[in-house]
Amino acid sequence: MYNPIHIAAKGSRPKKGATRRTPPPPKRKTPWWLWLLVPTILVAFIYGLAQLNQVAPKSNAVAKPKVETKPIKKTAPKPVTKPAPKKDKFEFYQILQDSEVDTSHVDAYQSTPRGTQDFFYMLQAASFRSSTDADRLRAKLILSGLVETHIRQTTGKNGNPWFRVVLGPYESRSKMNRAEDRLVAMDISSYSYRVKKED
């Protein structure tokens, strides 16, 4: 009779020489051009040193003849009077005082008044088919500081109502641009247009 434990134990023993060996890592091969480049550089360096060693220093081929100098009688030096340092003379102070301008005959500046503007600037932030979506955006804009927001109901080509979220009216283009910049910061692209003033 076979004992199952004995069979399992017998089959679990490793056989001799059955272990796997990891293959040795491949040796790096040095490129052939490197074998040529390194000796060439060494030979060039040694040749350069040999050439520098052979260069003779320049000798003075022409010897300068010595010139005999006669001693000069020393006389007492004359005291030299140095002129006083020049003071810079700036004339523009005097020119400025002399060139006084008479302003009594010049009239005061009057700015030309702008023509009265007969329109307002408006911004449309969005348009919706449902009034609840328009109210939601209007509330968001009011909470962000754009209090001049309101909703206008218009009728489309097919007779269906549209709810437009409109900002304005703005008297100047700069005020409209400030509001438009705030809309852009909120990732809302707007549309600007003009509306005639009602008299």
N, C-alpha and C. Protein backbone atom coordinates (compact mmCIF):
# COMPACT_ATOMS: atom_id res chain seq x y z
N MET A 1 0.82 -1.16 0.00
CA MET A 1 0.00 0.00 0.00
C MET A 1 0.88 1.25 0.00
N TYR A 2 0.40 2.23 -0.71
CA TYR A 2 1.19 3.46 -0.85
C TYR A 2 0.73 4.48 0.16
N ASN A 3 1.62 5.05 0.80
CA ASN A 3 1.31 6.11 1.76
C ASN A 3 1.34 7.44 0.99
N PRO A 4 0.22 8.21 1.01
CA PRO A 4 0.19 9.46 0.25
C PRO A 4 1.21 10.48 0.76
N ILE A 5 1.49 10.47 2.02
CA ILE A 5 2.46 11.42 2.56
C ILE A 5 3.85 11.08 2.03
N HIS A 6 4.12 9.81 1.96
CA HIS A 6 5.41 9.36 1.47
C HIS A 6 5.60 9.73 -0.01
N ILE A 7 4.51 9.60 -0.77
CA ILE A 7 4.59 9.93 -2.18
C ILE A 7 4.82 11.43 -2.37
N ALA A 8 4.09 12.24 -1.58
CA ALA A 8 4.23 13.69 -1.70
C ALA A 8 5.62 14.12 -1.28
N ALA A 9 6.14 13.49 -0.23
CA ALA A 9 7.46 13.86 0.24
C ALA A 9 8.52 13.41 -0.75
N LYS A 10 8.28 12.29 -1.36
CA LYS A 10 9.25 11.76 -2.30
C LYS A 10 9.32 12.62 -3.56
N GLY A 11 8.15 13.07 -4.03
CA GLY A 11 8.14 13.86 -5.25
C GLY A 11 8.57 15.30 -5.06
N SER A 12 8.61 15.75 -3.79
CA SER A 12 8.93 17.15 -3.56
C SER A 12 10.41 17.41 -3.43
N ARG A 13 11.21 16.34 -3.37
CA ARG A 13 12.65 16.55 -3.25
C ARG A 13 13.22 17.04 -4.58
N PRO A 14 14.04 18.06 -4.52
CA PRO A 14 14.64 18.52 -5.78
C PRO A 14 15.69 17.54 -6.26
N LYS A 15 15.76 17.39 -7.52
CA LYS A 15 16.76 16.51 -8.12
C LYS A 15 18.09 17.24 -8.19
N LYS A 16 19.12 16.46 -8.15
CA LYS A 16 20.45 17.06 -8.21
C LYS A 16 20.67 17.67 -9.60
N GLY A 17 21.24 18.86 -9.60
CA GLY A 17 21.58 19.50 -10.86
C GLY A 17 20.38 20.09 -11.59
N ALA A 18 19.23 20.12 -10.93
CA ALA A 18 18.03 20.63 -11.59
C ALA A 18 17.77 22.10 -11.29
N THR A 19 18.64 22.74 -10.56
CA THR A 19 18.42 24.16 -10.23
C THR A 19 18.69 25.02 -11.47
N ARG A 20 17.92 26.02 -11.56
CA ARG A 20 18.10 26.93 -12.70
C ARG A 20 19.18 27.95 -12.38
N ARG A 21 19.99 28.12 -13.30
CA ARG A 21 21.02 29.15 -13.14
C ARG A 21 20.60 30.37 -13.94
N THR A 22 20.81 31.51 -13.34
CA THR A 22 20.51 32.74 -14.08
C THR A 22 21.66 32.97 -15.05
N PRO A 23 21.33 33.33 -16.26
CA PRO A 23 22.41 33.56 -17.23
C PRO A 23 23.23 34.77 -16.82
N PRO A 24 24.52 34.71 -17.03
CA PRO A 24 25.37 35.85 -16.66
C PRO A 24 24.98 37.07 -17.50
N PRO A 25 25.10 38.25 -16.90
CA PRO A 25 24.74 39.45 -17.66
C PRO A 25 25.66 39.59 -18.87
N PRO A 26 25.12 40.04 -19.96
CA PRO A 26 25.95 40.18 -21.16
C PRO A 26 27.03 41.23 -20.95
N LYS A 27 28.21 40.94 -21.45
CA LYS A 27 29.32 41.87 -21.31
C LYS A 27 29.10 43.04 -22.26
N ARG A 28 29.44 44.19 -21.75
CA ARG A 28 29.31 45.38 -22.59
C ARG A 28 30.45 45.39 -23.60
N LYS A 29 30.09 45.62 -24.78
CA LYS A 29 31.11 45.71 -25.82
C LYS A 29 31.47 47.17 -26.02
N THR A 30 32.76 47.43 -26.08
CA THR A 30 33.22 48.78 -26.33
C THR A 30 33.16 49.02 -27.83
N PRO A 31 32.60 50.16 -28.23
CA PRO A 31 32.51 50.42 -29.67
C PRO A 31 33.91 50.50 -30.30
N TRP A 32 34.00 50.10 -31.56
CA TRP A 32 35.28 50.05 -32.26
C TRP A 32 35.88 51.43 -32.46
N TRP A 33 35.03 52.42 -32.63
CA TRP A 33 35.56 53.77 -32.88
C TRP A 33 36.21 54.35 -31.63
N LEU A 34 35.77 53.86 -30.44
CA LEU A 34 36.39 54.35 -29.21
C LEU A 34 37.83 53.83 -29.10
N TRP A 35 38.06 52.58 -29.58
CA TRP A 35 39.41 52.02 -29.59
C TRP A 35 40.33 52.81 -30.51
N LEU A 36 39.79 53.44 -31.52
CA LEU A 36 40.61 54.25 -32.42
C LEU A 36 40.78 55.68 -31.90
N LEU A 37 39.76 56.21 -31.27
CA LEU A 37 39.77 57.61 -30.85
C LEU A 37 40.73 57.87 -29.69
N VAL A 38 40.71 57.02 -28.67
CA VAL A 38 41.54 57.25 -27.48
C VAL A 38 43.03 57.22 -27.82
N PRO A 39 43.54 56.23 -28.54
CA PRO A 39 44.99 56.27 -28.87
C PRO A 39 45.36 57.45 -29.76
N THR A 40 44.45 57.83 -30.65
CA THR A 40 44.74 58.97 -31.52
C THR A 40 44.90 60.24 -30.70
N ILE A 41 44.03 60.43 -29.71
CA ILE A 41 44.13 61.62 -28.85
C ILE A 41 45.43 61.59 -28.05
N LEU A 42 45.79 60.42 -27.52
CA LEU A 42 47.04 60.31 -26.75
C LEU A 42 48.27 60.62 -27.61
N VAL A 43 48.30 60.09 -28.82
CA VAL A 43 49.44 60.33 -29.72
C VAL A 43 49.52 61.82 -30.06
N ALA A 44 48.38 62.46 -30.32
CA ALA A 44 48.38 63.88 -30.65
C ALA A 44 48.87 64.72 -29.47
N PHE A 45 48.49 64.34 -28.25
CA PHE A 45 48.91 65.08 -27.07
C PHE A 45 50.43 64.96 -26.87
N ILE A 46 50.95 63.75 -27.01
CA ILE A 46 52.40 63.54 -26.84
C ILE A 46 53.18 64.28 -27.93
N TYR A 47 52.69 64.25 -29.15
CA TYR A 47 53.35 64.96 -30.25
C TYR A 47 53.37 66.47 -29.97
N GLY A 48 52.26 67.01 -29.45
CA GLY A 48 52.20 68.44 -29.13
C GLY A 48 53.20 68.82 -28.05
N LEU A 49 53.35 67.96 -27.03
CA LEU A 49 54.33 68.24 -25.97
C LEU A 49 55.76 68.21 -26.52
N ALA A 50 56.02 67.29 -27.42
CA ALA A 50 57.36 67.20 -28.01
C ALA A 50 57.67 68.44 -28.84
N GLN A 51 56.70 68.93 -29.56
CA GLN A 51 56.92 70.12 -30.37
C GLN A 51 57.16 71.35 -29.50
N LEU A 52 56.44 71.43 -28.39
CA LEU A 52 56.65 72.57 -27.48
C LEU A 52 58.04 72.53 -26.86
N ASN A 53 58.55 71.35 -26.61
CA ASN A 53 59.87 71.21 -26.00
C ASN A 53 60.97 71.63 -26.96
N GLN A 54 60.75 71.48 -28.26
CA GLN A 54 61.77 71.81 -29.25
C GLN A 54 61.82 73.29 -29.60
N VAL A 55 60.81 74.04 -29.25
CA VAL A 55 60.79 75.46 -29.59
C VAL A 55 61.80 76.18 -28.71
N ALA A 56 62.75 76.89 -29.35
CA ALA A 56 63.77 77.63 -28.62
C ALA A 56 63.26 79.04 -28.35
N PRO A 57 63.60 79.56 -27.20
CA PRO A 57 63.18 80.94 -26.93
C PRO A 57 63.88 81.90 -27.87
N LYS A 58 63.20 82.98 -28.20
CA LYS A 58 63.78 83.96 -29.11
C LYS A 58 64.95 84.66 -28.43
N SER A 59 66.06 84.74 -29.15
CA SER A 59 67.22 85.44 -28.61
C SER A 59 67.28 86.81 -29.26
N ASN A 60 67.83 87.72 -28.54
CA ASN A 60 67.97 89.07 -29.08
C ASN A 60 69.14 89.05 -30.06
N ALA A 61 68.86 89.01 -31.33
CA ALA A 61 69.90 88.93 -32.36
C ALA A 61 70.66 90.24 -32.46
N VAL A 62 69.99 91.34 -32.26
CA VAL A 62 70.64 92.63 -32.38
C VAL A 62 70.91 93.15 -30.98
N ALA A 63 72.17 93.31 -30.69
CA ALA A 63 72.54 93.84 -29.38
C ALA A 63 72.51 95.36 -29.47
N LYS A 64 71.89 95.94 -28.51
CA LYS A 64 71.81 97.40 -28.51
C LYS A 64 73.12 97.97 -27.97
N PRO A 65 73.70 98.92 -28.73
CA PRO A 65 74.93 99.52 -28.22
C PRO A 65 74.60 100.44 -27.04
N LYS A 66 75.52 100.46 -26.09
CA LYS A 66 75.30 101.31 -24.93
C LYS A 66 75.59 102.75 -25.30
N VAL A 67 74.72 103.59 -24.90
CA VAL A 67 74.90 105.00 -25.16
C VAL A 67 75.35 105.64 -23.85
N GLU A 68 76.45 106.35 -23.96
CA GLU A 68 76.95 107.00 -22.76
C GLU A 68 76.19 108.30 -22.56
N THR A 69 75.79 108.50 -21.37
CA THR A 69 75.05 109.71 -21.05
C THR A 69 75.93 110.63 -20.24
N LYS A 70 75.83 111.88 -20.57
CA LYS A 70 76.58 112.87 -19.84
C LYS A 70 75.73 113.34 -18.67
N PRO A 71 76.36 113.54 -17.56
CA PRO A 71 75.57 114.03 -16.42
C PRO A 71 75.08 115.45 -16.68
N ILE A 72 73.87 115.68 -16.33
CA ILE A 72 73.26 116.99 -16.54
C ILE A 72 73.33 117.75 -15.23
N LYS A 73 73.62 119.03 -15.37
CA LYS A 73 73.67 119.86 -14.18
C LYS A 73 72.25 120.08 -13.67
N LYS A 74 72.13 119.85 -12.41
CA LYS A 74 70.81 120.02 -11.83
C LYS A 74 70.65 121.46 -11.40
N THR A 75 69.56 122.03 -11.81
CA THR A 75 69.23 123.39 -11.40
C THR A 75 68.02 123.30 -10.49
N ALA A 76 67.92 124.27 -9.68
CA ALA A 76 66.78 124.29 -8.76
C ALA A 76 65.50 124.48 -9.57
N PRO A 77 64.53 123.65 -9.34
CA PRO A 77 63.29 123.80 -10.11
C PRO A 77 62.56 125.07 -9.71
N LYS A 78 61.98 125.68 -10.73
CA LYS A 78 61.22 126.90 -10.47
C LYS A 78 59.87 126.51 -9.89
N PRO A 79 59.48 127.21 -8.88
CA PRO A 79 58.16 126.89 -8.33
C PRO A 79 57.07 127.27 -9.33
N VAL A 80 56.26 126.29 -9.62
CA VAL A 80 55.19 126.50 -10.59
C VAL A 80 53.91 126.79 -9.81
N THR A 81 53.30 127.87 -10.19
CA THR A 81 52.05 128.21 -9.50
C THR A 81 50.91 127.54 -10.26
N LYS A 82 50.17 126.77 -9.54
CA LYS A 82 49.05 126.08 -10.17
C LYS A 82 47.87 127.04 -10.22
N PRO A 83 47.20 127.07 -11.35
CA PRO A 83 46.03 127.94 -11.41
C PRO A 83 44.93 127.39 -10.50
N ALA A 84 44.15 128.28 -9.99
CA ALA A 84 43.05 127.88 -9.11
C ALA A 84 42.07 127.03 -9.92
N PRO A 85 41.51 126.02 -9.30
CA PRO A 85 40.57 125.18 -10.06
C PRO A 85 39.37 126.01 -10.51
N LYS A 86 38.99 125.75 -11.76
CA LYS A 86 37.88 126.51 -12.33
C LYS A 86 36.58 126.08 -11.68
N LYS A 87 35.80 127.04 -11.34
CA LYS A 87 34.46 126.73 -10.86
C LYS A 87 33.57 126.62 -12.08
N ASP A 88 32.77 125.59 -12.07
CA ASP A 88 31.84 125.43 -13.18
C ASP A 88 30.82 126.55 -13.13
N LYS A 89 30.61 127.10 -14.28
CA LYS A 89 29.66 128.21 -14.35
C LYS A 89 28.44 127.72 -15.11
N PHE A 90 27.35 127.67 -14.40
CA PHE A 90 26.11 127.24 -15.02
C PHE A 90 25.29 128.48 -15.36
N GLU A 91 25.00 128.60 -16.62
CA GLU A 91 24.30 129.79 -17.08
C GLU A 91 22.79 129.60 -17.12
N PHE A 92 22.31 128.39 -17.02
CA PHE A 92 20.88 128.20 -17.22
C PHE A 92 20.06 128.80 -16.09
N TYR A 93 20.68 128.99 -14.90
CA TYR A 93 19.92 129.65 -13.83
C TYR A 93 19.59 131.09 -14.23
N GLN A 94 20.59 131.75 -14.78
CA GLN A 94 20.38 133.13 -15.20
C GLN A 94 19.43 133.18 -16.39
N ILE A 95 19.58 132.26 -17.33
CA ILE A 95 18.70 132.24 -18.50
C ILE A 95 17.26 131.99 -18.06
N LEU A 96 17.10 131.14 -17.08
CA LEU A 96 15.75 130.82 -16.59
C LEU A 96 15.10 132.04 -15.95
N GLN A 97 15.88 132.79 -15.20
CA GLN A 97 15.32 133.99 -14.58
C GLN A 97 15.00 135.06 -15.62
N ASP A 98 15.83 135.15 -16.64
CA ASP A 98 15.62 136.18 -17.66
C ASP A 98 14.47 135.85 -18.60
N SER A 99 14.15 134.60 -18.75
CA SER A 99 13.11 134.23 -19.72
C SER A 99 11.78 134.00 -19.01
N GLU A 100 11.30 134.98 -18.35
CA GLU A 100 10.01 134.88 -17.68
C GLU A 100 8.91 135.07 -18.71
N VAL A 101 7.89 134.22 -18.64
CA VAL A 101 6.81 134.24 -19.61
C VAL A 101 5.60 134.93 -18.99
N ASP A 102 5.02 135.81 -19.76
CA ASP A 102 3.83 136.52 -19.30
C ASP A 102 2.60 135.66 -19.62
N THR A 103 1.89 135.25 -18.60
CA THR A 103 0.72 134.39 -18.80
C THR A 103 -0.59 135.13 -18.58
N SER A 104 -0.55 136.42 -18.47
CA SER A 104 -1.77 137.17 -18.18
C SER A 104 -2.74 137.17 -19.37
N HIS A 105 -2.24 137.08 -20.57
CA HIS A 105 -3.12 137.16 -21.74
C HIS A 105 -3.63 135.78 -22.20
N VAL A 106 -3.19 134.67 -21.53
CA VAL A 106 -3.62 133.32 -21.91
C VAL A 106 -4.91 132.99 -21.17
N ASP A 107 -5.92 132.53 -21.92
CA ASP A 107 -7.19 132.17 -21.30
C ASP A 107 -7.07 130.81 -20.62
N ALA A 108 -7.90 130.61 -19.63
CA ALA A 108 -7.92 129.32 -18.93
C ALA A 108 -8.42 128.23 -19.88
N TYR A 109 -7.93 127.03 -19.67
CA TYR A 109 -8.30 125.91 -20.54
C TYR A 109 -9.74 125.51 -20.30
N GLN A 110 -10.47 125.40 -21.35
CA GLN A 110 -11.86 124.93 -21.28
C GLN A 110 -11.93 123.62 -22.04
N SER A 111 -12.30 122.56 -21.35
CA SER A 111 -12.41 121.29 -22.05
C SER A 111 -13.69 121.29 -22.87
N THR A 112 -13.58 120.67 -24.03
CA THR A 112 -14.77 120.62 -24.88
C THR A 112 -15.70 119.56 -24.33
N PRO A 113 -16.95 119.90 -24.14
CA PRO A 113 -17.87 118.91 -23.57
C PRO A 113 -18.16 117.81 -24.59
N ARG A 114 -18.32 116.62 -24.07
CA ARG A 114 -18.66 115.51 -24.95
C ARG A 114 -20.08 115.67 -25.43
N GLY A 115 -20.28 115.12 -26.59
CA GLY A 115 -21.65 115.11 -27.09
C GLY A 115 -22.48 114.18 -26.22
N THR A 116 -23.71 114.52 -26.04
CA THR A 116 -24.54 113.66 -25.20
C THR A 116 -24.73 112.32 -25.90
N GLN A 117 -24.60 111.30 -25.13
CA GLN A 117 -24.71 109.94 -25.66
C GLN A 117 -26.18 109.56 -25.71
N ASP A 118 -26.63 109.07 -26.84
CA ASP A 118 -28.05 108.74 -26.97
C ASP A 118 -28.30 107.24 -26.87
N PHE A 119 -27.37 106.50 -26.25
CA PHE A 119 -27.57 105.06 -26.10
C PHE A 119 -26.91 104.57 -24.82
N PHE A 120 -27.29 103.37 -24.40
CA PHE A 120 -26.69 102.67 -23.27
C PHE A 120 -25.98 101.43 -23.80
N TYR A 121 -25.01 100.96 -23.02
CA TYR A 121 -24.36 99.68 -23.32
C TYR A 121 -25.04 98.60 -22.50
N MET A 122 -25.24 97.45 -23.11
CA MET A 122 -25.87 96.31 -22.45
C MET A 122 -25.01 95.07 -22.69
N LEU A 123 -25.11 94.12 -21.77
CA LEU A 123 -24.43 92.83 -21.90
C LEU A 123 -25.45 91.71 -21.75
N GLN A 124 -25.42 90.76 -22.65
CA GLN A 124 -26.26 89.58 -22.50
C GLN A 124 -25.36 88.44 -22.07
N ALA A 125 -25.62 87.90 -20.87
CA ALA A 125 -24.78 86.82 -20.34
C ALA A 125 -25.21 85.48 -20.91
N ALA A 126 -26.53 85.26 -21.04
CA ALA A 126 -27.02 83.98 -21.56
C ALA A 126 -28.49 84.13 -21.90
N SER A 127 -29.03 83.12 -22.59
CA SER A 127 -30.47 83.06 -22.84
C SER A 127 -30.92 81.61 -22.65
N PHE A 128 -32.08 81.45 -22.02
CA PHE A 128 -32.59 80.12 -21.69
C PHE A 128 -34.02 79.98 -22.16
N ARG A 129 -34.45 78.75 -22.33
CA ARG A 129 -35.85 78.48 -22.66
C ARG A 129 -36.70 78.42 -21.41
N SER A 130 -36.09 78.10 -20.27
CA SER A 130 -36.87 78.04 -19.03
C SER A 130 -36.49 79.20 -18.12
N SER A 131 -37.49 79.72 -17.43
CA SER A 131 -37.25 80.86 -16.55
C SER A 131 -36.47 80.46 -15.31
N THR A 132 -36.56 79.21 -14.88
CA THR A 132 -35.82 78.79 -13.68
C THR A 132 -34.31 78.80 -13.92
N ASP A 133 -33.88 78.39 -15.12
CA ASP A 133 -32.45 78.45 -15.44
C ASP A 133 -31.97 79.89 -15.48
N ALA A 134 -32.79 80.77 -16.04
CA ALA A 134 -32.43 82.19 -16.10
C ALA A 134 -32.36 82.78 -14.70
N ASP A 135 -33.31 82.43 -13.83
CA ASP A 135 -33.29 82.93 -12.45
C ASP A 135 -32.07 82.42 -11.70
N ARG A 136 -31.69 81.19 -11.95
CA ARG A 136 -30.52 80.61 -11.28
C ARG A 136 -29.25 81.39 -11.66
N LEU A 137 -29.06 81.68 -12.95
CA LEU A 137 -27.89 82.44 -13.38
C LEU A 137 -27.94 83.87 -12.87
N ARG A 138 -29.12 84.47 -12.87
CA ARG A 138 -29.28 85.84 -12.37
C ARG A 138 -28.87 85.91 -10.90
N ALA A 139 -29.31 84.93 -10.10
CA ALA A 139 -28.95 84.91 -8.68
C ALA A 139 -27.44 84.74 -8.50
N LYS A 140 -26.84 83.89 -9.31
CA LYS A 140 -25.39 83.69 -9.24
C LYS A 140 -24.64 84.98 -9.56
N LEU A 141 -25.10 85.72 -10.56
CA LEU A 141 -24.44 86.97 -10.94
C LEU A 141 -24.63 88.04 -9.87
N ILE A 142 -25.82 88.11 -9.29
CA ILE A 142 -26.07 89.10 -8.24
C ILE A 142 -25.20 88.81 -7.03
N LEU A 143 -25.07 87.53 -6.65
CA LEU A 143 -24.23 87.17 -5.51
C LEU A 143 -22.75 87.45 -5.77
N SER A 144 -22.35 87.45 -7.03
CA SER A 144 -20.95 87.75 -7.35
C SER A 144 -20.68 89.25 -7.46
N GLY A 145 -21.71 90.08 -7.26
CA GLY A 145 -21.51 91.53 -7.25
C GLY A 145 -22.04 92.26 -8.46
N LEU A 146 -22.61 91.56 -9.41
CA LEU A 146 -23.17 92.21 -10.60
C LEU A 146 -24.66 92.44 -10.35
N VAL A 147 -24.97 93.52 -9.61
CA VAL A 147 -26.35 93.75 -9.16
C VAL A 147 -27.25 94.30 -10.26
N GLU A 148 -26.70 94.77 -11.35
CA GLU A 148 -27.51 95.34 -12.43
C GLU A 148 -28.01 94.26 -13.39
N THR A 149 -28.18 93.04 -12.88
CA THR A 149 -28.62 91.91 -13.69
C THR A 149 -30.13 91.78 -13.64
N HIS A 150 -30.75 91.57 -14.78
CA HIS A 150 -32.19 91.32 -14.83
C HIS A 150 -32.51 90.38 -15.99
N ILE A 151 -33.75 89.93 -16.03
CA ILE A 151 -34.18 88.96 -17.05
C ILE A 151 -35.17 89.64 -17.97
N ARG A 152 -34.97 89.46 -19.27
CA ARG A 152 -35.92 89.96 -20.26
C ARG A 152 -36.52 88.77 -20.99
N GLN A 153 -37.82 88.81 -21.14
CA GLN A 153 -38.49 87.73 -21.88
C GLN A 153 -38.74 88.21 -23.29
N THR A 154 -38.29 87.42 -24.26
CA THR A 154 -38.51 87.73 -25.67
C THR A 154 -39.13 86.52 -26.34
N THR A 155 -39.66 86.75 -27.53
CA THR A 155 -40.27 85.66 -28.28
C THR A 155 -39.40 85.33 -29.48
N GLY A 156 -39.12 84.03 -29.68
CA GLY A 156 -38.28 83.59 -30.78
C GLY A 156 -39.04 83.59 -32.09
N LYS A 157 -38.40 83.14 -33.16
CA LYS A 157 -39.00 83.13 -34.49
C LYS A 157 -40.22 82.21 -34.56
N ASN A 158 -40.15 81.10 -33.84
CA ASN A 158 -41.26 80.16 -33.90
C ASN A 158 -42.32 80.42 -32.83
N GLY A 159 -42.23 81.52 -32.11
CA GLY A 159 -43.23 81.89 -31.12
C GLY A 159 -42.94 81.39 -29.72
N ASN A 160 -41.87 80.65 -29.52
CA ASN A 160 -41.52 80.16 -28.18
C ASN A 160 -40.82 81.25 -27.38
N PRO A 161 -41.06 81.31 -26.07
CA PRO A 161 -40.42 82.36 -25.25
C PRO A 161 -38.96 82.02 -24.96
N TRP A 162 -38.14 83.07 -24.91
CA TRP A 162 -36.74 82.98 -24.50
C TRP A 162 -36.56 83.92 -23.32
N PHE A 163 -35.76 83.49 -22.34
CA PHE A 163 -35.48 84.30 -21.16
C PHE A 163 -34.00 84.69 -21.21
N ARG A 164 -33.77 85.98 -21.43
CA ARG A 164 -32.41 86.50 -21.60
C ARG A 164 -31.93 87.10 -20.29
N VAL A 165 -30.72 86.69 -19.85
CA VAL A 165 -30.10 87.26 -18.66
C VAL A 165 -29.23 88.41 -19.14
N VAL A 166 -29.65 89.64 -18.75
CA VAL A 166 -29.05 90.86 -19.30
C VAL A 166 -28.46 91.68 -18.16
N LEU A 167 -27.32 92.30 -18.41
CA LEU A 167 -26.68 93.21 -17.45
C LEU A 167 -26.68 94.60 -18.05
N GLY A 168 -26.97 95.59 -17.23
CA GLY A 168 -26.95 96.96 -17.70
C GLY A 168 -28.18 97.69 -17.26
N PRO A 169 -28.38 98.84 -17.73
CA PRO A 169 -27.65 99.61 -18.73
C PRO A 169 -26.41 100.28 -18.14
N TYR A 170 -25.39 100.42 -18.96
CA TYR A 170 -24.15 101.08 -18.57
C TYR A 170 -24.01 102.36 -19.37
N GLU A 171 -23.66 103.44 -18.66
CA GLU A 171 -23.48 104.75 -19.30
C GLU A 171 -22.20 104.79 -20.14
N SER A 172 -21.15 104.13 -19.65
CA SER A 172 -19.86 104.22 -20.35
C SER A 172 -19.36 102.83 -20.73
N ARG A 173 -18.51 102.84 -21.70
CA ARG A 173 -17.94 101.57 -22.17
C ARG A 173 -17.02 100.96 -21.12
N SER A 174 -16.34 101.79 -20.34
CA SER A 174 -15.42 101.27 -19.33
C SER A 174 -16.18 100.50 -18.24
N LYS A 175 -17.35 100.99 -17.84
CA LYS A 175 -18.15 100.26 -16.85
C LYS A 175 -18.61 98.92 -17.42
N MET A 176 -19.00 98.94 -18.69
CA MET A 176 -19.43 97.70 -19.32
C MET A 176 -18.25 96.71 -19.40
N ASN A 177 -17.06 97.21 -19.71
CA ASN A 177 -15.89 96.34 -19.80
C ASN A 177 -15.54 95.72 -18.46
N ARG A 178 -15.71 96.48 -17.35
CA ARG A 178 -15.45 95.92 -16.03
C ARG A 178 -16.40 94.77 -15.73
N ALA A 179 -17.69 94.96 -16.07
CA ALA A 179 -18.66 93.88 -15.86
C ALA A 179 -18.34 92.68 -16.75
N GLU A 180 -17.91 92.95 -17.97
CA GLU A 180 -17.57 91.87 -18.90
C GLU A 180 -16.36 91.09 -18.40
N ASP A 181 -15.39 91.78 -17.80
CA ASP A 181 -14.22 91.10 -17.24
C ASP A 181 -14.62 90.17 -16.10
N ARG A 182 -15.58 90.60 -15.28
CA ARG A 182 -16.04 89.74 -14.18
C ARG A 182 -16.77 88.52 -14.73
N LEU A 183 -17.50 88.69 -15.82
CA LEU A 183 -18.17 87.54 -16.43
C LEU A 183 -17.15 86.55 -16.99
N VAL A 184 -16.10 87.07 -17.61
CA VAL A 184 -15.06 86.20 -18.16
C VAL A 184 -14.38 85.43 -17.03
N ALA A 185 -14.17 86.08 -15.88
CA ALA A 185 -13.56 85.40 -14.74
C ALA A 185 -14.45 84.26 -14.24
N MET A 186 -15.75 84.35 -14.50
CA MET A 186 -16.69 83.29 -14.10
C MET A 186 -16.92 82.29 -15.23
N ASP A 187 -16.13 82.37 -16.29
CA ASP A 187 -16.25 81.50 -17.48
C ASP A 187 -17.59 81.66 -18.18
N ILE A 188 -18.05 82.89 -18.27
CA ILE A 188 -19.28 83.19 -18.99
C ILE A 188 -18.91 84.13 -20.12
N SER A 189 -19.14 83.71 -21.35
CA SER A 189 -18.86 84.60 -22.48
C SER A 189 -20.13 85.40 -22.76
N SER A 190 -19.96 86.69 -22.89
CA SER A 190 -21.12 87.58 -23.02
C SER A 190 -21.15 88.21 -24.40
N TYR A 191 -22.26 88.86 -24.65
CA TYR A 191 -22.50 89.54 -25.92
C TYR A 191 -22.88 90.97 -25.58
N SER A 192 -22.18 91.96 -26.16
CA SER A 192 -22.49 93.36 -25.86
C SER A 192 -23.25 93.98 -27.02
N TYR A 193 -24.16 94.89 -26.66
CA TYR A 193 -24.94 95.60 -27.68
C TYR A 193 -25.38 96.94 -27.11
N ARG A 194 -25.92 97.79 -27.97
CA ARG A 194 -26.36 99.13 -27.57
C ARG A 194 -27.88 99.20 -27.63
N VAL A 195 -28.42 100.01 -26.72
CA VAL A 195 -29.86 100.24 -26.68
C VAL A 195 -30.07 101.75 -26.68
N LYS A 196 -30.95 102.24 -27.53
CA LYS A 196 -31.23 103.69 -27.59
C LYS A 196 -31.88 104.14 -26.30
N LYS A 197 -31.51 105.34 -25.87
CA LYS A 197 -32.14 105.94 -24.69
C LYS A 197 -33.56 106.35 -25.04
N GLU A 198 -34.42 106.16 -24.09
CA GLU A 198 -35.81 106.60 -24.29
C GLU A 198 -35.94 108.01 -23.74
N ASP A 199 -36.53 108.90 -24.50
CA ASP A 199 -36.68 110.30 -24.05
C ASP A 199 -37.96 110.49 -23.29
